[in-house]
């Protein structure tokens, strides 16, 4: 699909003299939207080229990555196995229900077992139970994922000064830094409390992908986690609802809502010089709303908005 850049209109932007647009990566693919499609694209090609039959991965009970891998398996004729952190809870939440509807087999790991997900011997043990497996890490981040995420930048044809993106495992941010090749400024907004650790993670990913190149045109804004991963405040939820009413774009409370909230706050603080063109990357994640609203007893958004 062609890149869709949606300009935003807000009195704050006029007052501060900046331009803000949202890159609608969430519209890339109906079942595998946003950065998940970018991360999976070259991994799926590699799995096909290697003659693999089963995609094996890890994630939490509300994981966008689990949903994307399940949808990719259905679309491209792979079997899928998802190793889920924690015990099975019935009835299943909408995220896991959808994964099963796509044909994914769910297997549950205790939190102690889940900590071994990156251990080579543990991986070898679980892969023995799968037919011609292809292992995808938690969140989908590896060098092929970084390659896919470089295209977020290289396919962007409109001029920009600053790119902003939410960060979980750091793969999308690393791909954007590598794709920009030192041009412009890139800001990552960690969704986790204590997201400073991503400085080293992203640096190593960029170096590994870019033959040792360490770009300096990026930073982390770590003050917009709202208490930690998958946590929220009434202020964040109010911002997301108001943003939808003003711009017709549904954000999620785990990643994109926090990132856009941070962008607005930085603009209020005169962080960006007048004339700056800011592009905020919408990495998807709307599917998580159904389970999130169920978990916290929220009355918004309506279910049809999360499809």
Protein backbone atom coordinates (compact mmCIF):
# COMPACT_ATOMS: atom_id res chain seq x y z
CA UNK A 1 0.00 0.00 0.00
CA UNK A 2 1.17 3.59 -0.56
CA UNK A 3 2.33 5.48 2.51
CA UNK A 4 -0.59 7.31 4.13
CA UNK A 5 0.40 10.46 5.98
CA UNK A 6 -2.52 12.13 7.76
CA UNK A 7 -1.96 15.77 8.77
CA UNK A 8 -3.42 16.86 12.12
CA UNK A 9 -5.03 20.21 12.84
CA UNK A 10 -4.85 21.59 16.37
CA UNK A 11 -4.70 25.09 17.84
CA UNK A 12 -1.65 24.00 19.86
CA UNK A 13 0.30 23.34 16.67
CA UNK A 14 -0.68 26.71 15.22
CA UNK A 15 0.32 28.46 18.44
CA UNK A 16 3.70 26.74 18.57
CA UNK A 17 4.37 26.92 14.83
CA UNK A 18 4.86 23.19 14.21
CA UNK A 19 3.31 20.73 11.78
CA UNK A 20 2.23 17.29 12.96
CA UNK A 21 1.15 14.30 10.87
CA UNK A 22 0.38 10.68 11.71
CA UNK A 23 1.90 7.97 9.54
CA UNK A 24 -0.93 5.45 9.31
CA UNK A 25 1.09 2.25 9.46
CA UNK A 26 -1.95 0.77 11.21
CA UNK A 27 -3.66 0.59 7.80
CA UNK A 28 -0.91 -1.45 6.11
CA UNK A 29 -2.55 -4.86 6.39
CA UNK A 30 -6.03 -5.83 7.66
CA UNK A 31 -4.81 -8.65 9.91
CA UNK A 32 -1.14 -7.79 10.42
CA UNK A 33 -1.09 -4.00 10.79
CA UNK A 34 1.63 -1.51 11.47
CA UNK A 35 5.04 -2.46 12.74
CA UNK A 36 3.99 -6.11 13.06
CA UNK A 37 3.75 -6.41 9.28
CA UNK A 38 7.08 -4.62 8.93
CA UNK A 39 8.71 -6.99 11.42
CA UNK A 40 7.21 -10.15 9.96
CA UNK A 41 7.63 -9.40 6.26
CA UNK A 42 11.20 -10.64 5.77
CA UNK A 43 10.88 -13.28 8.49
CA UNK A 44 7.97 -14.84 6.59
CA UNK A 45 10.05 -14.82 3.41
CA UNK A 46 12.91 -16.50 5.25
CA UNK A 47 10.59 -19.13 6.72
CA UNK A 48 9.26 -19.94 3.25
CA UNK A 49 12.73 -20.08 1.71
CA UNK A 50 13.91 -22.43 4.47
CA UNK A 51 10.95 -24.75 3.94
CA UNK A 52 9.61 -24.18 7.45
CA UNK A 53 6.06 -25.19 8.32
CA UNK A 54 5.48 -23.81 11.83
CA UNK A 55 5.94 -20.34 13.27
CA UNK A 56 6.82 -20.53 16.97
CA UNK A 57 6.85 -17.46 19.19
CA UNK A 58 6.30 -15.97 22.66
CA UNK A 59 4.06 -13.28 24.10
CA UNK A 60 1.77 -12.08 26.85
CA UNK A 61 -1.95 -12.72 26.99
CA UNK A 62 -2.78 -9.40 25.29
CA UNK A 63 0.14 -9.38 22.84
CA UNK A 64 -0.17 -7.63 19.47
CA UNK A 65 2.69 -9.86 18.31
CA UNK A 66 0.80 -13.07 19.14
CA UNK A 67 -2.20 -11.83 17.14
CA UNK A 68 -0.02 -10.84 14.19
CA UNK A 69 1.81 -14.18 14.05
CA UNK A 70 -1.48 -16.07 14.27
CA UNK A 71 -2.94 -13.97 11.44
CA UNK A 72 0.22 -14.37 9.35
CA UNK A 73 0.09 -18.13 9.79
CA UNK A 74 -3.47 -18.23 8.55
CA UNK A 75 -2.77 -15.91 5.62
CA UNK A 76 0.44 -17.60 4.46
CA UNK A 77 -0.28 -21.24 5.31
CA UNK A 78 1.95 -21.75 8.31
CA UNK A 79 1.02 -23.65 11.44
CA UNK A 80 1.54 -21.45 14.51
CA UNK A 81 2.38 -22.07 18.15
CA UNK A 82 2.26 -19.31 20.73
CA UNK A 83 3.92 -19.71 24.11
CA UNK A 84 1.97 -17.48 26.47
CA UNK A 85 3.33 -15.99 29.69
CA UNK A 86 1.31 -17.12 32.72
CA UNK A 87 -1.44 -19.62 33.39
CA UNK A 88 -4.46 -20.18 31.18
CA UNK A 89 -7.43 -18.08 32.28
CA UNK A 90 -10.91 -18.98 31.08
CA UNK A 91 -12.80 -17.61 29.36
CA UNK A 92 -10.00 -16.51 27.07
CA UNK A 93 -9.62 -12.80 26.41
CA UNK A 94 -10.39 -11.48 22.89
CA UNK A 95 -6.69 -11.47 21.91
CA UNK A 96 -6.21 -15.18 22.59
CA UNK A 97 -9.64 -16.06 21.22
CA UNK A 98 -8.66 -14.43 17.94
CA UNK A 99 -5.31 -16.23 17.89
CA UNK A 100 -7.08 -19.57 18.28
CA UNK A 101 -9.59 -18.64 15.57
CA UNK A 102 -6.62 -18.21 13.21
CA UNK A 103 -5.45 -21.72 14.06
CA UNK A 104 -2.73 -20.93 16.60
CA UNK A 105 -1.99 -23.56 19.23
CA UNK A 106 -1.50 -21.93 22.64
CA UNK A 107 0.88 -23.29 25.23
CA UNK A 108 1.35 -21.69 28.62
CA UNK A 109 4.59 -21.07 30.49
CA UNK A 110 5.02 -20.16 34.12
CA UNK A 111 6.75 -16.84 34.65
CA UNK A 112 9.88 -18.74 35.65
CA UNK A 113 9.80 -20.77 32.44
CA UNK A 114 9.04 -17.67 30.40
CA UNK A 115 12.27 -16.04 31.55
CA UNK A 116 14.09 -18.79 29.65
CA UNK A 117 12.54 -17.80 26.31
CA UNK A 118 15.90 -16.53 24.98
CA UNK A 119 17.92 -19.46 26.32
CA UNK A 120 19.25 -21.61 23.46
CA UNK A 121 18.76 -24.96 25.19
CA UNK A 122 15.22 -24.07 26.25
CA UNK A 123 14.40 -22.98 22.69
CA UNK A 124 15.83 -26.21 21.29
CA UNK A 125 13.65 -28.22 23.67
CA UNK A 126 10.37 -26.56 22.69
CA UNK A 127 11.22 -26.54 18.98
CA UNK A 128 11.52 -30.33 19.00
CA UNK A 129 7.75 -30.51 19.39
CA UNK A 130 7.05 -28.47 16.23
CA UNK A 131 7.11 -29.56 12.59
CA UNK A 132 9.88 -27.76 10.68
CA UNK A 133 9.81 -24.75 13.02
CA UNK A 134 10.79 -21.14 12.48
CA UNK A 135 11.40 -19.30 15.74
CA UNK A 136 10.30 -15.71 16.14
CA UNK A 137 11.46 -13.88 19.29
CA UNK A 138 9.09 -12.10 21.66
CA UNK A 139 7.87 -8.94 19.98
CA UNK A 140 9.28 -10.17 16.66
CA UNK A 141 12.52 -8.23 17.00
CA UNK A 142 15.52 -9.61 15.11
CA UNK A 143 17.68 -8.29 12.26
CA UNK A 144 15.11 -9.25 9.62
CA UNK A 145 12.55 -7.27 11.60
CA UNK A 146 14.93 -4.31 11.70
CA UNK A 147 15.27 -4.60 7.92
CA UNK A 148 11.51 -4.43 7.51
CA UNK A 149 11.24 -1.41 9.80
CA UNK A 150 13.85 0.54 7.82
CA UNK A 151 11.17 0.79 5.14
CA UNK A 152 8.98 2.90 7.43
CA UNK A 153 11.51 5.63 6.72
CA UNK A 154 12.66 4.81 3.20
CA UNK A 155 9.08 4.68 1.89
CA UNK A 156 8.19 8.04 3.44
CA UNK A 157 8.23 10.50 0.54
CA UNK A 158 6.96 13.65 2.31
CA UNK A 159 9.50 15.93 4.01
CA UNK A 160 9.96 15.54 7.77
CA UNK A 161 12.25 16.80 10.52
CA UNK A 162 11.35 14.54 13.45
CA UNK A 163 9.96 11.00 13.55
CA UNK A 164 8.30 9.78 16.75
CA UNK A 165 7.49 6.16 17.57
CA UNK A 166 6.45 4.06 20.55
CA UNK A 167 9.01 1.50 21.75
CA UNK A 168 8.58 -1.93 23.31
CA UNK A 169 11.45 -4.25 22.42
CA UNK A 170 13.13 -1.51 20.37
CA UNK A 171 13.08 -3.26 17.00
CA UNK A 172 10.90 -0.71 15.24
CA UNK A 173 12.91 2.21 16.60
CA UNK A 174 16.17 0.50 15.58
CA UNK A 175 14.87 -0.06 12.06
CA UNK A 176 13.85 3.57 11.73
CA UNK A 177 17.24 4.77 12.97
CA UNK A 178 19.00 2.48 10.53
CA UNK A 179 16.68 3.49 7.70
CA UNK A 180 17.21 7.21 8.29
CA UNK A 181 20.99 6.78 8.05
CA UNK A 182 21.72 9.79 10.23
CA UNK A 183 19.17 12.13 8.64
CA UNK A 184 16.61 14.03 10.71
CA UNK A 185 15.82 13.32 14.36
CA UNK A 186 14.07 10.23 15.71
CA UNK A 187 12.46 9.97 19.14
CA UNK A 188 11.43 6.71 20.80
CA UNK A 189 8.83 6.68 23.57
CA UNK A 190 9.28 3.54 25.71
CA UNK A 191 6.02 2.00 26.91
CA UNK A 192 7.81 0.37 29.85
CA UNK A 193 8.87 1.96 33.10
CA UNK A 194 12.65 2.15 33.21
CA UNK A 195 12.84 2.24 29.43
CA UNK A 196 16.38 3.62 29.56
CA UNK A 197 17.64 0.08 28.96
CA UNK A 198 16.52 0.47 25.34
CA UNK A 199 19.42 2.85 24.71
CA UNK A 200 21.84 -0.07 24.70
CA UNK A 201 19.41 -2.49 23.03
CA UNK A 202 18.64 -0.18 20.11
CA UNK A 203 22.28 0.83 19.72
CA UNK A 204 23.36 -2.81 19.40
CA UNK A 205 20.58 -3.63 16.93
CA UNK A 206 21.47 -0.65 14.75
CA UNK A 207 25.17 -1.54 14.81
CA UNK A 208 24.45 -5.17 13.96
CA UNK A 209 22.27 -4.17 11.01
CA UNK A 210 24.37 -1.22 9.79
CA UNK A 211 27.81 -2.87 9.82
CA UNK A 212 28.89 -1.19 13.03
CA UNK A 213 27.50 2.26 12.29
CA UNK A 214 26.29 4.09 15.41
CA UNK A 215 23.99 6.98 14.52
CA UNK A 216 23.57 9.85 16.97
CA UNK A 217 20.34 11.40 15.63
CA UNK A 218 17.96 9.60 17.99
CA UNK A 219 16.87 9.74 21.63
CA UNK A 220 14.48 8.23 24.14
CA UNK A 221 11.75 10.10 26.01
CA UNK A 222 11.19 7.92 29.07
CA UNK A 223 8.69 10.00 31.04
CA UNK A 224 5.53 8.86 29.29
CA UNK A 225 5.06 5.27 30.48
CA UNK A 226 2.10 6.16 32.78
CA UNK A 227 3.18 3.75 35.47
CA UNK A 228 4.60 0.97 33.32
CA UNK A 229 3.77 -1.47 30.56
CA UNK A 230 0.01 -1.82 29.90
CA UNK A 231 -0.78 0.65 32.71
CA UNK A 232 -2.80 3.81 32.30
CA UNK A 233 -4.21 6.83 34.08
CA UNK A 234 -7.54 8.66 33.61
CA UNK A 235 -5.53 11.45 31.97
CA UNK A 236 -4.18 9.08 29.30
CA UNK A 237 -7.58 7.56 28.57
CA UNK A 238 -9.14 11.01 28.31
CA UNK A 239 -6.41 12.08 25.87
CA UNK A 240 -6.99 9.00 23.67
CA UNK A 241 -10.74 9.58 23.58
CA UNK A 242 -10.33 13.28 22.80
CA UNK A 243 -7.77 12.48 20.11
CA UNK A 244 -10.25 10.15 18.42
CA UNK A 245 -12.99 12.76 18.57
CA UNK A 246 -10.72 15.44 17.11
CA UNK A 247 -8.87 13.44 14.46
CA UNK A 248 -10.79 10.20 13.85
CA UNK A 249 -7.76 8.04 14.71
CA UNK A 250 -8.01 5.36 17.38
CA UNK A 251 -4.86 5.07 19.48
CA UNK A 252 -4.14 2.26 21.93
CA UNK A 253 -3.37 2.72 25.65
CA UNK A 254 -0.23 0.57 25.64
CA UNK A 255 1.88 2.16 22.91
CA UNK A 256 0.54 4.80 20.53
CA UNK A 257 -1.59 6.66 23.07
CA UNK A 258 1.42 7.21 25.31
CA UNK A 259 3.60 8.24 22.37
CA UNK A 260 1.14 10.85 21.04
CA UNK A 261 0.51 12.17 24.54
CA UNK A 262 4.26 12.67 24.82
CA UNK A 263 4.42 14.43 21.46
CA UNK A 264 1.71 16.90 22.54
CA UNK A 265 3.50 17.53 25.84
CA UNK A 266 6.83 18.18 24.13
CA UNK A 267 5.15 20.65 21.79
CA UNK A 268 3.62 22.46 24.79
CA UNK A 269 7.11 22.65 26.31
CA UNK A 270 8.53 24.27 23.12
CA UNK A 271 10.77 21.25 22.64
CA UNK A 272 10.57 21.61 18.86
CA UNK A 273 11.65 24.80 17.08
CA UNK A 274 9.07 26.67 15.04
CA UNK A 275 8.71 25.26 11.56
CA UNK A 276 9.45 21.67 12.66
CA UNK A 277 7.62 18.95 10.74
CA UNK A 278 6.82 16.13 13.18
CA UNK A 279 5.64 12.71 11.98
CA UNK A 280 4.20 10.33 14.59
CA UNK A 281 4.19 6.69 13.49
CA UNK A 282 0.97 4.80 14.29
CA UNK A 283 2.19 1.25 14.82
CA UNK A 284 -1.27 -0.31 15.24
CA UNK A 285 -2.31 -2.18 18.37
CA UNK A 286 -6.03 -1.42 18.28
CA UNK A 287 -6.86 -5.12 18.71
CA UNK A 288 -5.66 -4.89 22.29
CA UNK A 289 -8.47 -2.52 23.20
CA UNK A 290 -11.10 -5.26 23.43
CA UNK A 291 -9.20 -7.20 26.08
CA UNK A 292 -7.93 -4.04 27.75
CA UNK A 293 -11.43 -2.61 28.16
CA UNK A 294 -12.68 -5.97 29.42
CA UNK A 295 -9.83 -6.29 31.91
CA UNK A 296 -10.29 -2.82 33.39
CA UNK A 297 -14.07 -2.55 33.04
CA UNK A 298 -13.90 0.39 30.63
CA UNK A 299 -16.93 1.50 28.65
CA UNK A 300 -14.90 2.89 25.76
CA UNK A 301 -14.10 2.35 22.95
CA UNK A 302 -17.01 0.50 21.33
CA UNK A 303 -15.98 -2.98 20.19
CA UNK A 304 -16.48 -2.21 16.49
CA UNK A 305 -13.78 0.48 16.70
CA UNK A 306 -11.17 -2.12 17.59
CA UNK A 307 -11.65 -4.30 14.51
